[in-house]
Amino acid sequence: GGSCVILPGITIGNNSIIAAGSVVTKDVPTNSIVAGNPAKILKSI
């Protein structure tokens, strides 16, 4: 989503969604929705 930041070394799994305005500081699992600063898992798809 808009205005997100993905930091060094991050891996984002297939099908996942990064909600607008998130700062991703750790890897995002497959089929996940994350949001926030730092981004945290909200739910699985």
ModelCIF file with pLDDT and N, C-alpha, C, O atoms, coordinates in Angstrom:
data_MODEL
#
_entry.id   MODEL 
#
_entity.id                         1 
_entity.type                       polymer 
_entity.pdbx_number_of_molecules   1 
#
_entity_poly.entity_id                      1 
_entity_poly.type                           'polypeptide(L)' 
_entity_poly.nstd_linkage                   no 
_entity_poly.nstd_monomer                   no 
_entity_poly.pdbx_seq_one_letter_code       GGSCVILPGITIGNNSIIAAGSVVTKDVPTNSIVAGNPAKILKSI 
_entity_poly.pdbx_seq_one_letter_code_can   GGSCVILPGITIGNNSIIAAGSVVTKDVPTNSIVAGNPAKILKSI 
_entity_poly.pdbx_strand_id                 A 
#
loop_
_entity_poly_seq.entity_id 
_entity_poly_seq.num 
_entity_poly_seq.mon_id 
_entity_poly_seq.hetero 
1 1  GLY n 
1 2  GLY n 
1 3  SER n 
1 4  CYS n 
1 5  VAL n 
1 6  ILE n 
1 7  LEU n 
1 8  PRO n 
1 9  GLY n 
1 10 ILE n 
1 11 THR n 
1 12 ILE n 
1 13 GLY n 
1 14 ASN n 
1 15 ASN n 
1 16 SER n 
1 17 ILE n 
1 18 ILE n 
1 19 ALA n 
1 20 ALA n 
1 21 GLY n 
1 22 SER n 
1 23 VAL n 
1 24 VAL n 
1 25 THR n 
1 26 LYS n 
1 27 ASP n 
1 28 VAL n 
1 29 PRO n 
1 30 THR n 
1 31 ASN n 
1 32 SER n 
1 33 ILE n 
1 34 VAL n 
1 35 ALA n 
1 36 GLY n 
1 37 ASN n 
1 38 PRO n 
1 39 ALA n 
1 40 LYS n 
1 41 ILE n 
1 42 LEU n 
1 43 LYS n 
1 44 SER n 
1 45 ILE n 
#
_struct_asym.id          A 
_struct_asym.entity_id   1 
#
loop_
_ma_qa_metric.id 
_ma_qa_metric.mode 
_ma_qa_metric.name 
_ma_qa_metric.software_group_id 
_ma_qa_metric.type 
1 global pLDDT . pLDDT 
2 local  pLDDT . pLDDT 
#
_ma_qa_metric_global.metric_id      1 
_ma_qa_metric_global.metric_value   97.67 
_ma_qa_metric_global.model_id       1 
_ma_qa_metric_global.ordinal_id     1 
#
loop_
_ma_qa_metric_local.label_asym_id 
_ma_qa_metric_local.label_comp_id 
_ma_qa_metric_local.label_seq_id 
_ma_qa_metric_local.metric_id 
_ma_qa_metric_local.metric_value 
_ma_qa_metric_local.model_id 
_ma_qa_metric_local.ordinal_id 
A GLY 1  2 98.00 1 1  
A GLY 2  2 98.00 1 2  
A SER 3  2 98.00 1 3  
A CYS 4  2 98.00 1 4  
A VAL 5  2 98.00 1 5  
A ILE 6  2 98.00 1 6  
A LEU 7  2 98.00 1 7  
A PRO 8  2 98.00 1 8  
A GLY 9  2 98.00 1 9  
A ILE 10 2 98.00 1 10 
A THR 11 2 98.00 1 11 
A ILE 12 2 98.00 1 12 
A GLY 13 2 98.00 1 13 
A ASN 14 2 98.00 1 14 
A ASN 15 2 98.00 1 15 
A SER 16 2 98.00 1 16 
A ILE 17 2 98.00 1 17 
A ILE 18 2 98.00 1 18 
A ALA 19 2 98.00 1 19 
A ALA 20 2 98.00 1 20 
A GLY 21 2 98.00 1 21 
A SER 22 2 98.00 1 22 
A VAL 23 2 98.00 1 23 
A VAL 24 2 98.00 1 24 
A THR 25 2 98.00 1 25 
A LYS 26 2 97.00 1 26 
A ASP 27 2 98.00 1 27 
A VAL 28 2 98.00 1 28 
A PRO 29 2 98.00 1 29 
A THR 30 2 98.00 1 30 
A ASN 31 2 98.00 1 31 
A SER 32 2 98.00 1 32 
A ILE 33 2 98.00 1 33 
A VAL 34 2 98.00 1 34 
A ALA 35 2 98.00 1 35 
A GLY 36 2 98.00 1 36 
A ASN 37 2 97.00 1 37 
A PRO 38 2 98.00 1 38 
A ALA 39 2 98.00 1 39 
A LYS 40 2 98.00 1 40 
A ILE 41 2 98.00 1 41 
A LEU 42 2 97.00 1 42 
A LYS 43 2 96.00 1 43 
A SER 44 2 96.00 1 44 
A ILE 45 2 90.00 1 45 
#
loop_
_atom_site.group_PDB 
_atom_site.id 
_atom_site.type_symbol 
_atom_site.label_atom_id 
_atom_site.label_alt_id 
_atom_site.label_comp_id 
_atom_site.label_asym_id 
_atom_site.label_entity_id 
_atom_site.label_seq_id 
_atom_site.pdbx_PDB_ins_code 
_atom_site.Cartn_x 
_atom_site.Cartn_y 
_atom_site.Cartn_z 
_atom_site.occupancy 
_atom_site.B_iso_or_equiv 
_atom_site.pdbx_formal_charge 
_atom_site.auth_seq_id 
_atom_site.auth_comp_id 
_atom_site.auth_asym_id 
_atom_site.auth_atom_id 
_atom_site.pdbx_PDB_model_num 
ATOM 1   N N  . GLY A 1 1  ? 0.807  -1.214  0.000  1.00 98.00 ? 1  GLY A N  1 
ATOM 2   C CA . GLY A 1 1  ? 0.000  0.000   0.000  1.00 98.00 ? 1  GLY A CA 1 
ATOM 3   C C  . GLY A 1 1  ? 0.843  1.268   0.000  1.00 98.00 ? 1  GLY A C  1 
ATOM 4   O O  . GLY A 1 1  ? 2.060  1.221   0.180  1.00 98.00 ? 1  GLY A O  1 
ATOM 5   N N  . GLY A 1 2  ? 0.179  2.401   -0.204 1.00 98.00 ? 2  GLY A N  1 
ATOM 6   C CA . GLY A 1 2  ? 0.867  3.680   -0.304 1.00 98.00 ? 2  GLY A CA 1 
ATOM 7   C C  . GLY A 1 2  ? 1.635  4.055   0.953  1.00 98.00 ? 2  GLY A C  1 
ATOM 8   O O  . GLY A 1 2  ? 1.239  3.725   2.071  1.00 98.00 ? 2  GLY A O  1 
ATOM 9   N N  . SER A 1 3  ? 2.754  4.761   0.736  1.00 98.00 ? 3  SER A N  1 
ATOM 10  C CA . SER A 1 3  ? 3.578  5.324   1.816  1.00 98.00 ? 3  SER A CA 1 
ATOM 11  C C  . SER A 1 3  ? 4.173  4.267   2.740  1.00 98.00 ? 3  SER A C  1 
ATOM 12  O O  . SER A 1 3  ? 4.405  4.540   3.918  1.00 98.00 ? 3  SER A O  1 
ATOM 13  N N  . CYS A 1 4  ? 4.421  3.074   2.229  1.00 98.00 ? 4  CYS A N  1 
ATOM 14  C CA . CYS A 1 4  ? 5.093  2.033   3.019  1.00 98.00 ? 4  CYS A CA 1 
ATOM 15  C C  . CYS A 1 4  ? 6.605  2.133   2.873  1.00 98.00 ? 4  CYS A C  1 
ATOM 16  O O  . CYS A 1 4  ? 7.117  2.660   1.885  1.00 98.00 ? 4  CYS A O  1 
ATOM 17  N N  . VAL A 1 5  ? 7.307  1.617   3.878  1.00 98.00 ? 5  VAL A N  1 
ATOM 18  C CA . VAL A 1 5  ? 8.765  1.533   3.847  1.00 98.00 ? 5  VAL A CA 1 
ATOM 19  C C  . VAL A 1 5  ? 9.161  0.089   4.100  1.00 98.00 ? 5  VAL A C  1 
ATOM 20  O O  . VAL A 1 5  ? 8.736  -0.515  5.085  1.00 98.00 ? 5  VAL A O  1 
ATOM 21  N N  . ILE A 1 6  ? 9.975  -0.462  3.208  1.00 98.00 ? 6  ILE A N  1 
ATOM 22  C CA . ILE A 1 6  ? 10.492 -1.827  3.355  1.00 98.00 ? 6  ILE A CA 1 
ATOM 23  C C  . ILE A 1 6  ? 11.987 -1.708  3.646  1.00 98.00 ? 6  ILE A C  1 
ATOM 24  O O  . ILE A 1 6  ? 12.738 -1.192  2.819  1.00 98.00 ? 6  ILE A O  1 
ATOM 25  N N  . LEU A 1 7  ? 12.421 -2.177  4.805  1.00 98.00 ? 7  LEU A N  1 
ATOM 26  C CA . LEU A 1 7  ? 13.802 -1.988  5.257  1.00 98.00 ? 7  LEU A CA 1 
ATOM 27  C C  . LEU A 1 7  ? 14.740 -3.088  4.743  1.00 98.00 ? 7  LEU A C  1 
ATOM 28  O O  . LEU A 1 7  ? 14.276 -4.098  4.214  1.00 98.00 ? 7  LEU A O  1 
ATOM 29  N N  . PRO A 1 8  ? 16.064 -2.895  4.897  1.00 98.00 ? 8  PRO A N  1 
ATOM 30  C CA . PRO A 1 8  ? 17.048 -3.849  4.379  1.00 98.00 ? 8  PRO A CA 1 
ATOM 31  C C  . PRO A 1 8  ? 16.826 -5.276  4.881  1.00 98.00 ? 8  PRO A C  1 
ATOM 32  O O  . PRO A 1 8  ? 16.491 -5.501  6.044  1.00 98.00 ? 8  PRO A O  1 
ATOM 33  N N  . GLY A 1 9  ? 17.021 -6.228  3.975  1.00 98.00 ? 9  GLY A N  1 
ATOM 34  C CA . GLY A 1 9  ? 16.998 -7.638  4.346  1.00 98.00 ? 9  GLY A CA 1 
ATOM 35  C C  . GLY A 1 9  ? 15.634 -8.273  4.460  1.00 98.00 ? 9  GLY A C  1 
ATOM 36  O O  . GLY A 1 9  ? 15.530 -9.440  4.838  1.00 98.00 ? 9  GLY A O  1 
ATOM 37  N N  . ILE A 1 10 ? 14.581 -7.535  4.142  1.00 98.00 ? 10 ILE A N  1 
ATOM 38  C CA . ILE A 1 10 ? 13.220 -8.041  4.332  1.00 98.00 ? 10 ILE A CA 1 
ATOM 39  C C  . ILE A 1 10 ? 12.827 -9.019  3.222  1.00 98.00 ? 10 ILE A C  1 
ATOM 40  O O  . ILE A 1 10 ? 13.157 -8.823  2.052  1.00 98.00 ? 10 ILE A O  1 
ATOM 41  N N  . THR A 1 11 ? 12.120 -10.068 3.616  1.00 98.00 ? 11 THR A N  1 
ATOM 42  C CA . THR A 1 11 ? 11.487 -10.992 2.676  1.00 98.00 ? 11 THR A CA 1 
ATOM 43  C C  . THR A 1 11 ? 9.976  -10.950 2.912  1.00 98.00 ? 11 THR A C  1 
ATOM 44  O O  . THR A 1 11 ? 9.511  -11.083 4.044  1.00 98.00 ? 11 THR A O  1 
ATOM 45  N N  . ILE A 1 12 ? 9.222  -10.766 1.835  1.00 98.00 ? 12 ILE A N  1 
ATOM 46  C CA . ILE A 1 12 ? 7.761  -10.751 1.915  1.00 98.00 ? 12 ILE A CA 1 
ATOM 47  C C  . ILE A 1 12 ? 7.241  -11.946 1.129  1.00 98.00 ? 12 ILE A C  1 
ATOM 48  O O  . ILE A 1 12 ? 7.553  -12.106 -0.051 1.00 98.00 ? 12 ILE A O  1 
ATOM 49  N N  . GLY A 1 13 ? 6.452  -12.780 1.785  1.00 98.00 ? 13 GLY A N  1 
ATOM 50  C CA . GLY A 1 13 ? 5.969  -14.005 1.160  1.00 98.00 ? 13 GLY A CA 1 
ATOM 51  C C  . GLY A 1 13 ? 4.872  -13.777 0.137  1.00 98.00 ? 13 GLY A C  1 
ATOM 52  O O  . GLY A 1 13 ? 4.278  -12.700 0.075  1.00 98.00 ? 13 GLY A O  1 
ATOM 53  N N  . ASN A 1 14 ? 4.608  -14.799 -0.663 1.00 98.00 ? 14 ASN A N  1 
ATOM 54  C CA . ASN A 1 14 ? 3.579  -14.725 -1.711 1.00 98.00 ? 14 ASN A CA 1 
ATOM 55  C C  . ASN A 1 14 ? 2.214  -14.312 -1.152 1.00 98.00 ? 14 ASN A C  1 
ATOM 56  O O  . ASN A 1 14 ? 1.838  -14.687 -0.042 1.00 98.00 ? 14 ASN A O  1 
ATOM 57  N N  . ASN A 1 15 ? 1.495  -13.539 -1.942 1.00 98.00 ? 15 ASN A N  1 
ATOM 58  C CA . ASN A 1 15 ? 0.083  -13.187 -1.698 1.00 98.00 ? 15 ASN A CA 1 
ATOM 59  C C  . ASN A 1 15 ? -0.135 -12.213 -0.549 1.00 98.00 ? 15 ASN A C  1 
ATOM 60  O O  . ASN A 1 15 ? -1.282 -11.884 -0.245 1.00 98.00 ? 15 ASN A O  1 
ATOM 61  N N  . SER A 1 16 ? 0.907  -11.750 0.088  1.00 98.00 ? 16 SER A N  1 
ATOM 62  C CA . SER A 1 16 ? 0.744  -10.923 1.275  1.00 98.00 ? 16 SER A CA 1 
ATOM 63  C C  . SER A 1 16 ? 0.407  -9.474  0.932  1.00 98.00 ? 16 SER A C  1 
ATOM 64  O O  . SER A 1 16 ? 0.653  -9.011  -0.181 1.00 98.00 ? 16 SER A O  1 
ATOM 65  N N  . ILE A 1 17 ? -0.165 -8.764  1.917  1.00 98.00 ? 17 ILE A N  1 
ATOM 66  C CA . ILE A 1 17 ? -0.562 -7.363  1.774  1.00 98.00 ? 17 ILE A CA 1 
ATOM 67  C C  . ILE A 1 17 ? 0.121  -6.545  2.866  1.00 98.00 ? 17 ILE A C  1 
ATOM 68  O O  . ILE A 1 17 ? 0.086  -6.899  4.044  1.00 98.00 ? 17 ILE A O  1 
ATOM 69  N N  . ILE A 1 18 ? 0.743  -5.445  2.449  1.00 98.00 ? 18 ILE A N  1 
ATOM 70  C CA . ILE A 1 18 ? 1.336  -4.504  3.388  1.00 98.00 ? 18 ILE A CA 1 
ATOM 71  C C  . ILE A 1 18 ? 0.431  -3.274  3.412  1.00 98.00 ? 18 ILE A C  1 
ATOM 72  O O  . ILE A 1 18 ? 0.353  -2.541  2.426  1.00 98.00 ? 18 ILE A O  1 
ATOM 73  N N  . ALA A 1 19 ? -0.248 -3.047  4.524  1.00 98.00 ? 19 ALA A N  1 
ATOM 74  C CA . ALA A 1 19 ? -1.216 -1.957  4.597  1.00 98.00 ? 19 ALA A CA 1 
ATOM 75  C C  . ALA A 1 19 ? -0.533 -0.603  4.480  1.00 98.00 ? 19 ALA A C  1 
ATOM 76  O O  . ALA A 1 19 ? 0.627  -0.448  4.862  1.00 98.00 ? 19 ALA A O  1 
ATOM 77  N N  . ALA A 1 20 ? -1.254 0.372   3.952  1.00 98.00 ? 20 ALA A N  1 
ATOM 78  C CA . ALA A 1 20 ? -0.712 1.715   3.719  1.00 98.00 ? 20 ALA A CA 1 
ATOM 79  C C  . ALA A 1 20 ? -0.080 2.296   4.983  1.00 98.00 ? 20 ALA A C  1 
ATOM 80  O O  . ALA A 1 20 ? -0.621 2.174   6.082  1.00 98.00 ? 20 ALA A O  1 
ATOM 81  N N  . GLY A 1 21 ? 1.073  2.926   4.800  1.00 98.00 ? 21 GLY A N  1 
ATOM 82  C CA . GLY A 1 21 ? 1.755  3.593   5.895  1.00 98.00 ? 21 GLY A CA 1 
ATOM 83  C C  . GLY A 1 21 ? 2.595  2.697   6.780  1.00 98.00 ? 21 GLY A C  1 
ATOM 84  O O  . GLY A 1 21 ? 3.136  3.158   7.785  1.00 98.00 ? 21 GLY A O  1 
ATOM 85  N N  . SER A 1 22 ? 2.718  1.421   6.431  1.00 98.00 ? 22 SER A N  1 
ATOM 86  C CA . SER A 1 22 ? 3.468  0.481   7.271  1.00 98.00 ? 22 SER A CA 1 
ATOM 87  C C  . SER A 1 22 ? 4.976  0.632   7.101  1.00 98.00 ? 22 SER A C  1 
ATOM 88  O O  . SER A 1 22 ? 5.460  1.007   6.033  1.00 98.00 ? 22 SER A O  1 
ATOM 89  N N  . VAL A 1 23 ? 5.707  0.335   8.171  1.00 98.00 ? 23 VAL A N  1 
ATOM 90  C CA . VAL A 1 23 ? 7.169  0.253   8.129  1.00 98.00 ? 23 VAL A CA 1 
ATOM 91  C C  . VAL A 1 23 ? 7.532  -1.195  8.445  1.00 98.00 ? 23 VAL A C  1 
ATOM 92  O O  . VAL A 1 23 ? 7.358  -1.660  9.571  1.00 98.00 ? 23 VAL A O  1 
ATOM 93  N N  . VAL A 1 24 ? 8.035  -1.897  7.439  1.00 98.00 ? 24 VAL A N  1 
ATOM 94  C CA . VAL A 1 24 ? 8.288  -3.335  7.578  1.00 98.00 ? 24 VAL A CA 1 
ATOM 95  C C  . VAL A 1 24 ? 9.719  -3.544  8.068  1.00 98.00 ? 24 VAL A C  1 
ATOM 96  O O  . VAL A 1 24 ? 10.683 -3.275  7.351  1.00 98.00 ? 24 VAL A O  1 
ATOM 97  N N  . THR A 1 25 ? 9.836  -4.030  9.306  1.00 98.00 ? 25 THR A N  1 
ATOM 98  C CA . THR A 1 25 ? 11.138 -4.210  9.943  1.00 98.00 ? 25 THR A CA 1 
ATOM 99  C C  . THR A 1 25 ? 11.546 -5.671  10.070 1.00 98.00 ? 25 THR A C  1 
ATOM 100 O O  . THR A 1 25 ? 12.690 -5.968  10.414 1.00 98.00 ? 25 THR A O  1 
ATOM 101 N N  . LYS A 1 26 ? 10.615 -6.589  9.793  1.00 97.00 ? 26 LYS A N  1 
ATOM 102 C CA . LYS A 1 26 ? 10.955 -8.012  9.835  1.00 97.00 ? 26 LYS A CA 1 
ATOM 103 C C  . LYS A 1 26 ? 10.168 -8.749  8.750  1.00 97.00 ? 26 LYS A C  1 
ATOM 104 O O  . LYS A 1 26 ? 9.206  -8.215  8.198  1.00 97.00 ? 26 LYS A O  1 
ATOM 105 N N  . ASP A 1 27 ? 10.585 -9.970  8.454  1.00 98.00 ? 27 ASP A N  1 
ATOM 106 C CA . ASP A 1 27 ? 10.005 -10.732 7.351  1.00 98.00 ? 27 ASP A CA 1 
ATOM 107 C C  . ASP A 1 27 ? 8.491  -10.913 7.519  1.00 98.00 ? 27 ASP A C  1 
ATOM 108 O O  . ASP A 1 27 ? 7.972  -11.022 8.629  1.00 98.00 ? 27 ASP A O  1 
ATOM 109 N N  . VAL A 1 28 ? 7.810  -10.939 6.371  1.00 98.00 ? 28 VAL A N  1 
ATOM 110 C CA . VAL A 1 28 ? 6.358  -11.119 6.347  1.00 98.00 ? 28 VAL A CA 1 
ATOM 111 C C  . VAL A 1 28 ? 6.051  -12.508 5.780  1.00 98.00 ? 28 VAL A C  1 
ATOM 112 O O  . VAL A 1 28 ? 6.450  -12.814 4.656  1.00 98.00 ? 28 VAL A O  1 
ATOM 113 N N  . PRO A 1 29 ? 5.352  -13.346 6.537  1.00 98.00 ? 29 PRO A N  1 
ATOM 114 C CA . PRO A 1 29 ? 5.046  -14.701 6.041  1.00 98.00 ? 29 PRO A CA 1 
ATOM 115 C C  . PRO A 1 29 ? 4.112  -14.677 4.833  1.00 98.00 ? 29 PRO A C  1 
ATOM 116 O O  . PRO A 1 29 ? 3.441  -13.679 4.570  1.00 98.00 ? 29 PRO A O  1 
ATOM 117 N N  . THR A 1 30 ? 4.081  -15.760 4.126  1.00 98.00 ? 30 THR A N  1 
ATOM 118 C CA . THR A 1 30 ? 3.145  -15.935 3.014  1.00 98.00 ? 30 THR A CA 1 
ATOM 119 C C  . THR A 1 30 ? 1.696  -15.801 3.500  1.00 98.00 ? 30 THR A C  1 
ATOM 120 O O  . THR A 1 30 ? 1.368  -16.187 4.622  1.00 98.00 ? 30 THR A O  1 
ATOM 121 N N  . ASN A 1 31 ? 0.840  -15.247 2.637  1.00 98.00 ? 31 ASN A N  1 
ATOM 122 C CA . ASN A 1 31 ? -0.598 -15.138 2.925  1.00 98.00 ? 31 ASN A CA 1 
ATOM 123 C C  . ASN A 1 31 ? -0.904 -14.369 4.207  1.00 98.00 ? 31 ASN A C  1 
ATOM 124 O O  . ASN A 1 31 ? -1.730 -14.793 5.015  1.00 98.00 ? 31 ASN A O  1 
ATOM 125 N N  . SER A 1 32 ? -0.230 -13.236 4.384  1.00 98.00 ? 32 SER A N  1 
ATOM 126 C CA . SER A 1 32 ? -0.428 -12.436 5.597  1.00 98.00 ? 32 SER A CA 1 
ATOM 127 C C  . SER A 1 32 ? -0.789 -10.994 5.251  1.00 98.00 ? 32 SER A C  1 
ATOM 128 O O  . SER A 1 32 ? -0.398 -10.477 4.205  1.00 98.00 ? 32 SER A O  1 
ATOM 129 N N  . ILE A 1 33 ? -1.544 -10.353 6.152  1.00 98.00 ? 33 ILE A N  1 
ATOM 130 C CA . ILE A 1 33 ? -1.785 -8.917  6.075  1.00 98.00 ? 33 ILE A CA 1 
ATOM 131 C C  . ILE A 1 33 ? -1.094 -8.279  7.271  1.00 98.00 ? 33 ILE A C  1 
ATOM 132 O O  . ILE A 1 33 ? -1.361 -8.643  8.416  1.00 98.00 ? 33 ILE A O  1 
ATOM 133 N N  . VAL A 1 34 ? -0.198 -7.320  7.005  1.00 98.00 ? 34 VAL A N  1 
ATOM 134 C CA . VAL A 1 34 ? 0.502  -6.641  8.094  1.00 98.00 ? 34 VAL A CA 1 
ATOM 135 C C  . VAL A 1 34 ? 0.233  -5.143  8.020  1.00 98.00 ? 34 VAL A C  1 
ATOM 136 O O  . VAL A 1 34 ? -0.060 -4.597  6.956  1.00 98.00 ? 34 VAL A O  1 
ATOM 137 N N  . ALA A 1 35 ? 0.341  -4.493  9.176  1.00 98.00 ? 35 ALA A N  1 
ATOM 138 C CA . ALA A 1 35 ? 0.106  -3.053  9.223  1.00 98.00 ? 35 ALA A CA 1 
ATOM 139 C C  . ALA A 1 35 ? 0.819  -2.461  10.427 1.00 98.00 ? 35 ALA A C  1 
ATOM 140 O O  . ALA A 1 35 ? 1.078  -3.151  11.414 1.00 98.00 ? 35 ALA A O  1 
ATOM 141 N N  . GLY A 1 36 ? 1.136  -1.158  10.332 1.00 98.00 ? 36 GLY A N  1 
ATOM 142 C CA . GLY A 1 36 ? 1.671  -0.444  11.486 1.00 98.00 ? 36 GLY A CA 1 
ATOM 143 C C  . GLY A 1 36 ? 3.145  -0.129  11.388 1.00 98.00 ? 36 GLY A C  1 
ATOM 144 O O  . GLY A 1 36 ? 3.816  -0.484  10.419 1.00 98.00 ? 36 GLY A O  1 
ATOM 145 N N  . ASN A 1 37 ? 3.635  0.548   12.417 1.00 97.00 ? 37 ASN A N  1 
ATOM 146 C CA . ASN A 1 37 ? 5.047  0.912   12.540 1.00 97.00 ? 37 ASN A CA 1 
ATOM 147 C C  . ASN A 1 37 ? 5.517  0.590   13.954 1.00 97.00 ? 37 ASN A C  1 
ATOM 148 O O  . ASN A 1 37 ? 5.221  1.327   14.894 1.00 97.00 ? 37 ASN A O  1 
ATOM 149 N N  . PRO A 1 38 ? 6.264  -0.536  14.105 1.00 98.00 ? 38 PRO A N  1 
ATOM 150 C CA . PRO A 1 38 ? 6.638  -1.500  13.059 1.00 98.00 ? 38 PRO A CA 1 
ATOM 151 C C  . PRO A 1 38 ? 5.438  -2.356  12.640 1.00 98.00 ? 38 PRO A C  1 
ATOM 152 O O  . PRO A 1 38 ? 4.499  -2.547  13.412 1.00 98.00 ? 38 PRO A O  1 
ATOM 153 N N  . ALA A 1 39 ? 5.485  -2.864  11.412 1.00 98.00 ? 39 ALA A N  1 
ATOM 154 C CA . ALA A 1 39 ? 4.379  -3.645  10.877 1.00 98.00 ? 39 ALA A CA 1 
ATOM 155 C C  . ALA A 1 39 ? 4.220  -4.959  11.658 1.00 98.00 ? 39 ALA A C  1 
ATOM 156 O O  . ALA A 1 39 ? 5.190  -5.659  11.948 1.00 98.00 ? 39 ALA A O  1 
ATOM 157 N N  . LYS A 1 40 ? 2.963  -5.262  11.984 1.00 98.00 ? 40 LYS A N  1 
ATOM 158 C CA . LYS A 1 40 ? 2.644  -6.511  12.683 1.00 98.00 ? 40 LYS A CA 1 
ATOM 159 C C  . LYS A 1 40 ? 1.537  -7.233  11.936 1.00 98.00 ? 40 LYS A C  1 
ATOM 160 O O  . LYS A 1 40 ? 0.741  -6.617  11.228 1.00 98.00 ? 40 LYS A O  1 
ATOM 161 N N  . ILE A 1 41 ? 1.501  -8.536  12.103 1.00 98.00 ? 41 ILE A N  1 
ATOM 162 C CA . ILE A 1 41 ? 0.503  -9.353  11.402 1.00 98.00 ? 41 ILE A CA 1 
ATOM 163 C C  . ILE A 1 41 ? -0.892 -9.065  11.968 1.00 98.00 ? 41 ILE A C  1 
ATOM 164 O O  . ILE A 1 41 ? -1.116 -9.159  13.174 1.00 98.00 ? 41 ILE A O  1 
ATOM 165 N N  . LEU A 1 42 ? -1.811 -8.718  11.086 1.00 97.00 ? 42 LEU A N  1 
ATOM 166 C CA . LEU A 1 42 ? -3.209 -8.499  11.484 1.00 97.00 ? 42 LEU A CA 1 
ATOM 167 C C  . LEU A 1 42 ? -4.031 -9.766  11.335 1.00 97.00 ? 42 LEU A C  1 
ATOM 168 O O  . LEU A 1 42 ? -4.828 -10.123 12.203 1.00 97.00 ? 42 LEU A O  1 
ATOM 169 N N  . LYS A 1 43 ? -3.812 -10.445 10.194 1.00 96.00 ? 43 LYS A N  1 
ATOM 170 C CA . LYS A 1 43 ? -4.567 -11.674 9.931  1.00 96.00 ? 43 LYS A CA 1 
ATOM 171 C C  . LYS A 1 43 ? -3.925 -12.441 8.797  1.00 96.00 ? 43 LYS A C  1 
ATOM 172 O O  . LYS A 1 43 ? -3.079 -11.911 8.076  1.00 96.00 ? 43 LYS A O  1 
ATOM 173 N N  . SER A 1 44 ? -4.323 -13.680 8.641  1.00 96.00 ? 44 SER A N  1 
ATOM 174 C CA . SER A 1 44 ? -3.890 -14.508 7.513  1.00 96.00 ? 44 SER A CA 1 
ATOM 175 C C  . SER A 1 44 ? -4.959 -14.462 6.432  1.00 96.00 ? 44 SER A C  1 
ATOM 176 O O  . SER A 1 44 ? -6.144 -14.291 6.718  1.00 96.00 ? 44 SER A O  1 
ATOM 177 N N  . ILE A 1 45 ? -4.524 -14.615 5.196  1.00 90.00 ? 45 ILE A N  1 
ATOM 178 C CA . ILE A 1 45 ? -5.459 -14.595 4.067  1.00 90.00 ? 45 ILE A CA 1 
ATOM 179 C C  . ILE A 1 45 ? -5.932 -16.007 3.786  1.00 90.00 ? 45 ILE A C  1 
ATOM 180 O O  . ILE A 1 45 ? -6.728 -16.220 2.872  1.00 90.00 ? 45 ILE A O  1 
#
